[in-house]
Amino acid sequence: MQSFTTLLVIVLVYYVGAVSGSDEESRCKCVCPSPTIVNGTETNKTVYKVTRIPSEKCKCEYVVELVAELHSVIDKVNEFCPRCECKFESRNPTTIKVVVIIILCILSFLLIYMLFLLCLDPLMSKKGMRYTQQQNEEVNLVIMLLVSSLMLSLSDDDRAKSSFPKY
C-alpha cells in the first residue's frame, strides 16, 4: 500500500509540474446573432470564442475586431453589439487533472478490492455446507420455558410416566 501511495504522489507531482506553465485557461465567450442578419429580426445565435485575452477586453467591440467572421460587421458595431452577450470564463486545468487522477485512483482501488473479494470468495465458502432455515429463537425459548415449568409442576411419579425426556 505504501508503494501505491508513493506512486500516486509521483504521478501528481509530475502532472502538476507539467501544467504549471498554463495555470489558467481563459476565454471570452460571446453569443451573438449571425452577421448576415444585423438589420433583420431573426434570432439565430452564434457562439464566438476568443482565447487568451484579459477580462477587461471581453467586450463585443474587441471580439468583432479579433474574429475573422465578423470583419464584415466592423462598420455596424453599434447595431451588432447590443444583441451580443459576452462573458469571461476561466478554469484551472491543474485542478481538473488532479481531480480526475484522484477519481481514477479511487476507481482502480475499488477494482482491485473487487478482484480481491472475488478471489477470496471461493476460499471462504465451504463445500458441502448447505443452507439451513433459521429458527426463531424466541419461540423456541418460550416452548422450552413452558416444558420446563410443566416438568417442575409434575410429581416424580408423573414425570416417570410421561414421555418427556429426563434432564
Protein backbone atom coordinates (compact mmCIF):
# COMPACT_ATOMS: atom_id res chain seq x y z
CA MET A 1 0.00 0.00 0.00
CA GLN A 2 2.92 2.31 0.70
CA SER A 3 4.27 1.82 -2.83
CA PHE A 4 0.83 2.71 -4.23
CA THR A 5 0.83 5.95 -2.22
CA THR A 6 4.36 6.77 -3.37
CA LEU A 7 3.37 6.15 -6.98
CA LEU A 8 0.33 8.38 -6.58
CA VAL A 9 2.44 11.23 -5.19
CA ILE A 10 4.96 10.91 -8.03
CA VAL A 11 2.19 10.99 -10.66
CA LEU A 12 0.56 14.03 -9.04
CA VAL A 13 3.86 15.93 -8.85
CA TYR A 14 4.57 15.09 -12.49
CA TYR A 15 1.20 16.35 -13.70
CA VAL A 16 1.29 19.47 -11.55
CA GLY A 17 4.78 20.24 -12.87
CA ALA A 18 3.76 19.54 -16.47
CA VAL A 19 0.88 22.03 -16.46
CA SER A 20 2.49 24.72 -14.31
CA GLY A 21 3.16 26.79 -17.43
CA SER A 22 -0.55 27.08 -18.17
CA ASP A 23 -2.00 27.81 -14.74
CA GLU A 24 -5.27 29.04 -16.07
CA GLU A 25 -7.19 28.85 -19.30
CA SER A 26 -9.33 31.84 -20.02
CA ARG A 27 -11.56 32.86 -22.85
CA CYS A 28 -14.16 35.35 -23.85
CA LYS A 29 -17.38 33.75 -25.00
CA CYS A 30 -19.81 35.92 -26.93
CA VAL A 31 -23.24 34.77 -28.09
CA CYS A 32 -24.22 37.00 -30.99
CA PRO A 33 -26.63 36.92 -33.92
CA SER A 34 -25.37 35.89 -37.31
CA PRO A 35 -23.57 38.79 -39.08
CA THR A 36 -25.88 38.45 -42.10
CA ILE A 37 -28.96 39.42 -40.10
CA VAL A 38 -27.76 42.64 -38.45
CA ASN A 39 -30.76 44.59 -39.70
CA GLY A 40 -33.19 41.63 -39.65
CA THR A 41 -35.38 40.28 -36.90
CA GLU A 42 -34.13 36.68 -36.89
CA THR A 43 -32.86 35.25 -33.62
CA ASN A 44 -30.31 32.70 -34.82
CA LYS A 45 -27.41 32.91 -32.36
CA THR A 46 -23.78 32.02 -32.96
CA VAL A 47 -21.10 31.49 -30.31
CA TYR A 48 -17.75 33.20 -30.81
CA LYS A 49 -14.83 32.34 -28.54
CA VAL A 50 -11.63 34.30 -28.18
CA THR A 51 -8.89 32.77 -26.04
CA ARG A 52 -6.07 34.34 -24.05
CA ILE A 53 -7.46 37.81 -23.57
CA PRO A 54 -7.76 39.78 -20.33
CA SER A 55 -11.14 40.03 -18.67
CA GLU A 56 -11.34 43.79 -19.28
CA LYS A 57 -11.27 43.26 -23.04
CA CYS A 58 -14.12 40.76 -23.09
CA LYS A 59 -16.47 43.11 -24.90
CA CYS A 60 -18.26 42.81 -28.19
CA GLU A 61 -16.24 45.59 -29.84
CA TYR A 62 -12.96 43.78 -29.16
CA VAL A 63 -14.34 40.37 -30.24
CA VAL A 64 -15.57 41.82 -33.55
CA GLU A 65 -12.03 43.01 -34.30
CA LEU A 66 -10.45 39.62 -33.50
CA VAL A 67 -12.88 37.17 -35.11
CA ALA A 68 -12.40 36.86 -38.87
CA GLU A 69 -16.08 36.01 -39.50
CA LEU A 70 -17.17 39.33 -38.03
CA HIS A 71 -14.99 41.69 -40.12
CA SER A 72 -18.00 42.45 -42.31
CA VAL A 73 -19.76 43.95 -39.28
CA ILE A 74 -16.96 46.29 -38.12
CA ASP A 75 -18.68 49.34 -39.60
CA LYS A 76 -22.02 48.32 -37.97
CA VAL A 77 -20.70 47.64 -34.45
CA ASN A 78 -23.31 49.93 -32.86
CA GLU A 79 -26.12 47.84 -34.40
CA PHE A 80 -24.46 44.44 -33.90
CA CYS A 81 -23.10 44.62 -30.34
CA PRO A 82 -26.30 45.39 -28.37
CA ARG A 83 -27.57 41.94 -29.38
CA CYS A 84 -24.41 40.18 -28.11
CA GLU A 85 -23.85 38.73 -24.67
CA CYS A 86 -20.16 38.39 -23.78
CA LYS A 87 -18.89 36.52 -20.71
CA PHE A 88 -15.36 35.98 -19.46
CA GLU A 89 -14.69 32.36 -18.44
CA SER A 90 -11.64 30.88 -16.78
CA ARG A 91 -10.71 27.46 -15.48
CA ASN A 92 -7.70 25.86 -13.88
CA PRO A 93 -6.55 22.73 -15.75
CA THR A 94 -4.28 21.68 -12.86
CA THR A 95 -7.26 21.33 -10.55
CA ILE A 96 -9.20 19.43 -13.18
CA LYS A 97 -6.33 16.99 -13.77
CA VAL A 98 -5.78 16.41 -10.04
CA VAL A 99 -9.49 15.67 -9.51
CA VAL A 100 -9.51 13.26 -12.48
CA ILE A 101 -6.40 11.49 -11.12
CA ILE A 102 -7.98 11.13 -7.68
CA ILE A 103 -11.17 9.70 -9.19
CA LEU A 104 -9.16 7.24 -11.30
CA CYS A 105 -7.18 6.15 -8.22
CA ILE A 106 -10.37 5.55 -6.26
CA LEU A 107 -11.88 3.55 -9.12
CA SER A 108 -8.72 1.45 -9.51
CA PHE A 109 -8.62 0.81 -5.75
CA LEU A 110 -12.25 -0.34 -5.85
CA LEU A 111 -11.48 -2.58 -8.83
CA ILE A 112 -8.54 -4.17 -7.01
CA TYR A 113 -10.71 -4.64 -3.92
CA MET A 114 -13.43 -6.30 -6.00
CA LEU A 115 -10.88 -8.68 -7.56
CA PHE A 116 -9.55 -9.48 -4.09
CA LEU A 117 -13.05 -10.32 -2.87
CA LEU A 118 -13.71 -12.46 -5.94
CA CYS A 119 -10.54 -14.44 -5.25
CA LEU A 120 -11.36 -14.70 -1.55
CA ASP A 121 -14.94 -15.88 -2.04
CA PRO A 122 -14.13 -19.50 -3.07
CA LEU A 123 -11.80 -19.83 -0.10
CA MET A 124 -14.43 -18.65 2.35
CA SER A 125 -17.31 -20.81 1.13
CA LYS A 126 -17.06 -24.40 2.30
CA LYS A 127 -18.14 -27.22 0.02
CA GLY A 128 -20.98 -29.39 1.24
CA MET A 129 -22.28 -26.70 3.54
CA ARG A 130 -25.97 -26.29 2.86
CA TYR A 131 -28.42 -23.67 3.84
CA THR A 132 -30.46 -24.43 6.93
CA GLN A 133 -33.51 -22.47 7.79
CA GLN A 134 -33.02 -20.17 10.73
CA GLN A 135 -35.14 -20.98 13.73
CA ASN A 136 -36.87 -18.28 15.66
CA GLU A 137 -35.03 -18.50 18.97
CA GLU A 138 -37.62 -16.54 20.93
CA VAL A 139 -40.35 -19.07 20.10
CA ASN A 140 -38.01 -21.96 20.94
CA LEU A 141 -37.12 -20.31 24.25
CA VAL A 142 -40.80 -19.85 25.18
CA ILE A 143 -41.54 -23.51 24.38
CA MET A 144 -38.56 -24.64 26.47
CA LEU A 145 -39.73 -22.50 29.40
CA LEU A 146 -43.23 -23.94 29.15
CA VAL A 147 -41.92 -27.50 29.03
CA SER A 148 -39.58 -26.94 31.97
CA SER A 149 -42.33 -25.30 34.08
CA LEU A 150 -44.62 -28.21 33.22
CA MET A 151 -41.94 -30.68 34.22
CA LEU A 152 -41.45 -28.94 37.56
CA SER A 153 -45.16 -28.98 38.28
CA LEU A 154 -45.46 -32.74 37.71
CA SER A 155 -44.63 -35.05 40.54
CA ASP A 156 -41.83 -37.56 40.31
CA ASP A 157 -44.23 -40.41 39.53
CA ASP A 158 -45.97 -38.43 36.84
CA ARG A 159 -42.62 -37.47 35.41
CA ALA A 160 -41.60 -41.08 35.11
CA LYS A 161 -44.82 -41.94 33.26
CA SER A 162 -44.58 -39.00 30.87
CA SER A 163 -42.85 -39.20 27.55
CA PHE A 164 -40.80 -36.07 28.19
CA PRO A 165 -37.07 -36.58 28.26
CA LYS A 166 -35.41 -36.52 31.68
CA TYR A 167 -32.91 -33.84 32.47
